[in-house]
Amino acid sequence: EEEALTAVAGSPAAAQYRDLIAQKVRRNWNEPASARPGDSCDVRVQQIPGGEVVSAVAFNCTGDGAFARSVEAAVLRSSPLPLPADPRLFDRNLLFTFKPEQ
């Protein structure tokens, strides 16, 4: 069963799910004045079933603190997050990379 979950997590459907979340976050992002082309952050999101965001933490950011805070705020504004087509892909602890230009 664990192998099946690992295969699902690395599947194209999992990548598509992360892309849907990143797209929604980008739509809710307010770019700070300090943002530079190429800035990005890894984001750790805790969510409950239904996609409601409990917390969002940006880390490994190439931008400054204002950029990181703007990303965290965008994730919170994006709640509830889209749900995956395959329920096995839902993860309470989600990790994705936020890149404004993608």
N, C-alpha and C. Protein backbone atom coordinates (compact mmCIF):
# COMPACT_ATOMS: atom_id res chain seq x y z
N GLU A 1 0.82 -1.19 0.00
CA GLU A 1 0.00 0.00 0.00
C GLU A 1 0.87 1.26 0.00
N GLU A 2 1.97 1.23 0.77
CA GLU A 2 2.87 2.39 0.83
C GLU A 2 3.50 2.65 -0.53
N GLU A 3 3.85 1.57 -1.26
CA GLU A 3 4.41 1.73 -2.59
C GLU A 3 3.40 2.37 -3.53
N ALA A 4 2.14 1.99 -3.41
CA ALA A 4 1.09 2.56 -4.25
C ALA A 4 0.94 4.06 -3.96
N LEU A 5 1.00 4.44 -2.68
CA LEU A 5 0.90 5.85 -2.33
C LEU A 5 2.10 6.63 -2.86
N THR A 6 3.28 6.06 -2.78
CA THR A 6 4.48 6.71 -3.31
C THR A 6 4.36 6.89 -4.81
N ALA A 7 3.86 5.90 -5.51
CA ALA A 7 3.69 5.99 -6.96
C ALA A 7 2.68 7.08 -7.31
N VAL A 8 1.61 7.18 -6.55
CA VAL A 8 0.59 8.19 -6.80
C VAL A 8 1.18 9.58 -6.54
N ALA A 9 1.96 9.73 -5.47
CA ALA A 9 2.54 11.03 -5.12
C ALA A 9 3.50 11.53 -6.18
N GLY A 10 4.16 10.64 -6.89
CA GLY A 10 5.09 11.03 -7.94
C GLY A 10 4.49 11.03 -9.33
N SER A 11 3.19 10.88 -9.41
CA SER A 11 2.52 10.75 -10.69
C SER A 11 2.28 12.11 -11.36
N PRO A 12 1.97 12.10 -12.64
CA PRO A 12 1.58 13.33 -13.32
C PRO A 12 0.36 13.99 -12.67
N ALA A 13 -0.54 13.19 -12.15
CA ALA A 13 -1.73 13.73 -11.49
C ALA A 13 -1.33 14.53 -10.24
N ALA A 14 -0.32 14.06 -9.52
CA ALA A 14 0.16 14.78 -8.33
C ALA A 14 0.78 16.12 -8.74
N ALA A 15 1.55 16.11 -9.82
CA ALA A 15 2.16 17.35 -10.31
C ALA A 15 1.08 18.33 -10.75
N GLN A 16 0.04 17.81 -11.40
CA GLN A 16 -1.07 18.66 -11.85
C GLN A 16 -1.79 19.27 -10.64
N TYR A 17 -1.97 18.49 -9.59
CA TYR A 17 -2.61 18.97 -8.37
C TYR A 17 -1.80 20.11 -7.76
N ARG A 18 -0.48 19.94 -7.64
CA ARG A 18 0.38 21.00 -7.10
C ARG A 18 0.31 22.24 -7.98
N ASP A 19 0.25 22.05 -9.30
CA ASP A 19 0.15 23.18 -10.22
C ASP A 19 -1.16 23.95 -10.01
N LEU A 20 -2.26 23.23 -9.78
CA LEU A 20 -3.55 23.89 -9.53
C LEU A 20 -3.47 24.77 -8.28
N ILE A 21 -2.83 24.25 -7.26
CA ILE A 21 -2.68 25.01 -6.01
C ILE A 21 -1.81 26.24 -6.26
N ALA A 22 -0.67 26.06 -6.94
CA ALA A 22 0.22 27.18 -7.22
C ALA A 22 -0.48 28.26 -8.05
N GLN A 23 -1.31 27.85 -9.01
CA GLN A 23 -2.04 28.81 -9.83
C GLN A 23 -3.01 29.64 -8.98
N LYS A 24 -3.71 28.99 -8.08
CA LYS A 24 -4.65 29.72 -7.23
C LYS A 24 -3.90 30.69 -6.32
N VAL A 25 -2.77 30.24 -5.78
CA VAL A 25 -1.97 31.12 -4.92
C VAL A 25 -1.47 32.33 -5.71
N ARG A 26 -1.00 32.11 -6.94
CA ARG A 26 -0.53 33.23 -7.77
C ARG A 26 -1.65 34.25 -8.00
N ARG A 27 -2.86 33.78 -8.22
CA ARG A 27 -4.00 34.70 -8.44
C ARG A 27 -4.29 35.54 -7.19
N ASN A 28 -3.95 35.02 -6.02
CA ASN A 28 -4.23 35.72 -4.76
C ASN A 28 -3.01 36.44 -4.19
N TRP A 29 -1.94 36.50 -4.97
CA TRP A 29 -0.69 37.10 -4.51
C TRP A 29 -0.64 38.59 -4.82
N ASN A 30 -0.29 39.37 -3.83
CA ASN A 30 -0.05 40.81 -4.01
C ASN A 30 1.45 41.03 -4.00
N GLU A 31 1.98 41.37 -5.15
CA GLU A 31 3.43 41.50 -5.31
C GLU A 31 3.97 42.67 -4.49
N PRO A 32 4.94 42.40 -3.61
CA PRO A 32 5.54 43.51 -2.85
C PRO A 32 6.49 44.31 -3.75
N ALA A 33 6.73 45.55 -3.39
CA ALA A 33 7.61 46.42 -4.18
C ALA A 33 9.02 45.84 -4.30
N SER A 34 9.43 45.05 -3.31
CA SER A 34 10.79 44.52 -3.30
C SER A 34 10.97 43.26 -4.16
N ALA A 35 9.88 42.72 -4.71
CA ALA A 35 9.96 41.48 -5.50
C ALA A 35 10.82 41.70 -6.74
N ARG A 36 11.62 40.68 -7.05
CA ARG A 36 12.49 40.73 -8.22
C ARG A 36 12.15 39.56 -9.13
N PRO A 37 12.39 39.72 -10.44
CA PRO A 37 12.18 38.58 -11.34
C PRO A 37 13.01 37.38 -10.88
N GLY A 38 12.40 36.21 -10.90
CA GLY A 38 13.10 35.00 -10.50
C GLY A 38 12.98 34.64 -9.04
N ASP A 39 12.38 35.52 -8.23
CA ASP A 39 12.19 35.19 -6.81
C ASP A 39 11.28 33.97 -6.69
N SER A 40 11.53 33.17 -5.66
CA SER A 40 10.69 32.00 -5.39
C SER A 40 10.81 31.63 -3.92
N CYS A 41 9.87 30.83 -3.47
CA CYS A 41 9.87 30.30 -2.10
C CYS A 41 9.32 28.88 -2.13
N ASP A 42 9.87 28.05 -1.29
CA ASP A 42 9.23 26.78 -0.99
C ASP A 42 8.18 27.10 0.07
N VAL A 43 7.05 26.44 0.00
CA VAL A 43 5.96 26.72 0.93
C VAL A 43 5.47 25.41 1.53
N ARG A 44 5.39 25.39 2.86
CA ARG A 44 4.84 24.24 3.58
C ARG A 44 3.45 24.65 4.06
N VAL A 45 2.45 23.91 3.63
CA VAL A 45 1.06 24.24 3.93
C VAL A 45 0.44 23.11 4.73
N GLN A 46 -0.22 23.46 5.81
CA GLN A 46 -1.03 22.49 6.54
C GLN A 46 -2.48 22.79 6.20
N GLN A 47 -3.21 21.74 5.80
CA GLN A 47 -4.61 21.90 5.44
C GLN A 47 -5.42 20.78 6.06
N ILE A 48 -6.71 21.03 6.18
CA ILE A 48 -7.61 20.00 6.68
C ILE A 48 -8.43 19.49 5.50
N PRO A 49 -9.07 18.32 5.65
CA PRO A 49 -9.91 17.83 4.57
C PRO A 49 -10.90 18.92 4.13
N GLY A 50 -11.04 19.07 2.84
CA GLY A 50 -11.85 20.15 2.30
C GLY A 50 -10.99 21.28 1.76
N GLY A 51 -9.68 21.23 2.07
CA GLY A 51 -8.74 22.21 1.53
C GLY A 51 -8.57 23.48 2.35
N GLU A 52 -9.20 23.57 3.52
CA GLU A 52 -9.04 24.76 4.35
C GLU A 52 -7.59 24.82 4.87
N VAL A 53 -6.95 25.96 4.68
CA VAL A 53 -5.56 26.14 5.09
C VAL A 53 -5.51 26.45 6.58
N VAL A 54 -4.67 25.69 7.30
CA VAL A 54 -4.46 25.90 8.73
C VAL A 54 -3.24 26.80 8.93
N SER A 55 -2.19 26.55 8.15
CA SER A 55 -0.99 27.38 8.24
C SER A 55 -0.21 27.32 6.94
N ALA A 56 0.60 28.35 6.74
CA ALA A 56 1.48 28.42 5.56
C ALA A 56 2.80 29.04 6.00
N VAL A 57 3.89 28.34 5.67
CA VAL A 57 5.22 28.83 6.03
C VAL A 57 6.09 28.81 4.79
N ALA A 58 6.62 29.99 4.42
CA ALA A 58 7.52 30.11 3.29
C ALA A 58 8.95 29.96 3.81
N PHE A 59 9.78 29.21 3.08
CA PHE A 59 11.18 29.01 3.46
C PHE A 59 12.01 28.84 2.20
N ASN A 60 13.32 28.86 2.35
CA ASN A 60 14.24 28.78 1.20
C ASN A 60 13.86 29.82 0.14
N CYS A 61 13.53 31.02 0.60
CA CYS A 61 13.12 32.08 -0.33
C CYS A 61 14.34 32.78 -0.92
N THR A 62 14.23 33.10 -2.20
CA THR A 62 15.29 33.89 -2.84
C THR A 62 15.01 35.37 -2.66
N GLY A 63 13.78 35.72 -2.30
CA GLY A 63 13.42 37.12 -2.07
C GLY A 63 13.60 37.49 -0.61
N ASP A 64 13.24 38.72 -0.27
CA ASP A 64 13.39 39.21 1.10
C ASP A 64 12.21 38.79 1.98
N GLY A 65 12.20 39.30 3.22
CA GLY A 65 11.13 38.95 4.16
C GLY A 65 9.75 39.38 3.68
N ALA A 66 9.68 40.54 3.02
CA ALA A 66 8.39 41.01 2.51
C ALA A 66 7.86 40.04 1.45
N PHE A 67 8.75 39.51 0.62
CA PHE A 67 8.34 38.55 -0.40
C PHE A 67 7.79 37.29 0.27
N ALA A 68 8.52 36.78 1.27
CA ALA A 68 8.08 35.56 1.97
C ALA A 68 6.72 35.78 2.63
N ARG A 69 6.54 36.91 3.30
CA ARG A 69 5.25 37.20 3.96
C ARG A 69 4.13 37.32 2.94
N SER A 70 4.43 37.88 1.76
CA SER A 70 3.39 38.03 0.73
C SER A 70 2.95 36.67 0.20
N VAL A 71 3.88 35.74 0.13
CA VAL A 71 3.56 34.38 -0.33
C VAL A 71 2.69 33.68 0.71
N GLU A 72 3.08 33.78 1.98
CA GLU A 72 2.28 33.16 3.05
C GLU A 72 0.86 33.74 3.06
N ALA A 73 0.74 35.06 2.91
CA ALA A 73 -0.58 35.69 2.90
C ALA A 73 -1.40 35.22 1.70
N ALA A 74 -0.75 35.04 0.56
CA ALA A 74 -1.46 34.57 -0.64
C ALA A 74 -2.01 33.17 -0.44
N VAL A 75 -1.25 32.31 0.22
CA VAL A 75 -1.72 30.94 0.49
C VAL A 75 -2.94 31.00 1.40
N LEU A 76 -2.88 31.82 2.44
CA LEU A 76 -4.01 31.93 3.37
C LEU A 76 -5.24 32.47 2.65
N ARG A 77 -5.06 33.44 1.75
CA ARG A 77 -6.20 33.99 0.99
C ARG A 77 -6.76 32.97 0.00
N SER A 78 -5.96 31.97 -0.36
CA SER A 78 -6.37 30.96 -1.34
C SER A 78 -7.19 29.84 -0.73
N SER A 79 -7.39 29.88 0.58
CA SER A 79 -8.17 28.85 1.27
C SER A 79 -9.64 29.00 0.94
N PRO A 80 -10.34 27.92 0.63
CA PRO A 80 -9.86 26.54 0.55
C PRO A 80 -9.09 26.30 -0.75
N LEU A 81 -8.09 25.46 -0.63
CA LEU A 81 -7.29 25.08 -1.80
C LEU A 81 -8.07 24.09 -2.65
N PRO A 82 -7.72 24.02 -3.95
CA PRO A 82 -8.38 23.02 -4.81
C PRO A 82 -8.13 21.61 -4.27
N LEU A 83 -9.08 20.75 -4.49
CA LEU A 83 -8.94 19.36 -4.08
C LEU A 83 -8.48 18.54 -5.28
N PRO A 84 -7.69 17.49 -5.04
CA PRO A 84 -7.21 16.67 -6.15
C PRO A 84 -8.33 15.81 -6.73
N ALA A 85 -8.20 15.49 -8.01
CA ALA A 85 -9.17 14.60 -8.65
C ALA A 85 -9.14 13.22 -8.00
N ASP A 86 -7.95 12.78 -7.61
CA ASP A 86 -7.77 11.49 -6.93
C ASP A 86 -7.61 11.76 -5.43
N PRO A 87 -8.57 11.35 -4.61
CA PRO A 87 -8.49 11.63 -3.17
C PRO A 87 -7.22 11.11 -2.50
N ARG A 88 -6.58 10.10 -3.10
CA ARG A 88 -5.33 9.58 -2.51
C ARG A 88 -4.22 10.61 -2.56
N LEU A 89 -4.34 11.64 -3.40
CA LEU A 89 -3.31 12.66 -3.51
C LEU A 89 -3.41 13.73 -2.42
N PHE A 90 -4.55 13.80 -1.74
CA PHE A 90 -4.70 14.81 -0.69
C PHE A 90 -3.69 14.56 0.40
N ASP A 91 -3.03 15.63 0.83
CA ASP A 91 -2.04 15.54 1.89
C ASP A 91 -2.25 16.71 2.84
N ARG A 92 -2.40 16.42 4.11
CA ARG A 92 -2.58 17.49 5.10
C ARG A 92 -1.36 18.40 5.15
N ASN A 93 -0.19 17.85 4.88
CA ASN A 93 1.06 18.60 4.90
C ASN A 93 1.60 18.67 3.48
N LEU A 94 1.30 19.75 2.82
CA LEU A 94 1.61 19.92 1.41
C LEU A 94 2.86 20.77 1.25
N LEU A 95 3.68 20.45 0.27
CA LEU A 95 4.89 21.22 -0.02
C LEU A 95 4.89 21.55 -1.50
N PHE A 96 5.06 22.84 -1.83
CA PHE A 96 5.20 23.22 -3.23
C PHE A 96 6.10 24.43 -3.34
N THR A 97 6.55 24.73 -4.53
CA THR A 97 7.40 25.90 -4.78
C THR A 97 6.58 26.99 -5.45
N PHE A 98 6.62 28.18 -4.87
CA PHE A 98 5.91 29.32 -5.43
C PHE A 98 6.88 30.13 -6.28
N LYS A 99 6.54 30.26 -7.56
CA LYS A 99 7.29 31.09 -8.49
C LYS A 99 6.27 31.98 -9.20
N PRO A 100 6.30 33.30 -8.94
CA PRO A 100 5.27 34.18 -9.48
C PRO A 100 5.13 34.14 -11.00
N GLU A 101 6.21 33.94 -11.71
CA GLU A 101 6.14 34.02 -13.17
C GLU A 101 5.69 32.75 -13.83
N GLN A 102 5.43 31.69 -13.08
CA GLN A 102 5.01 30.44 -13.70
C GLN A 102 3.53 30.21 -13.50
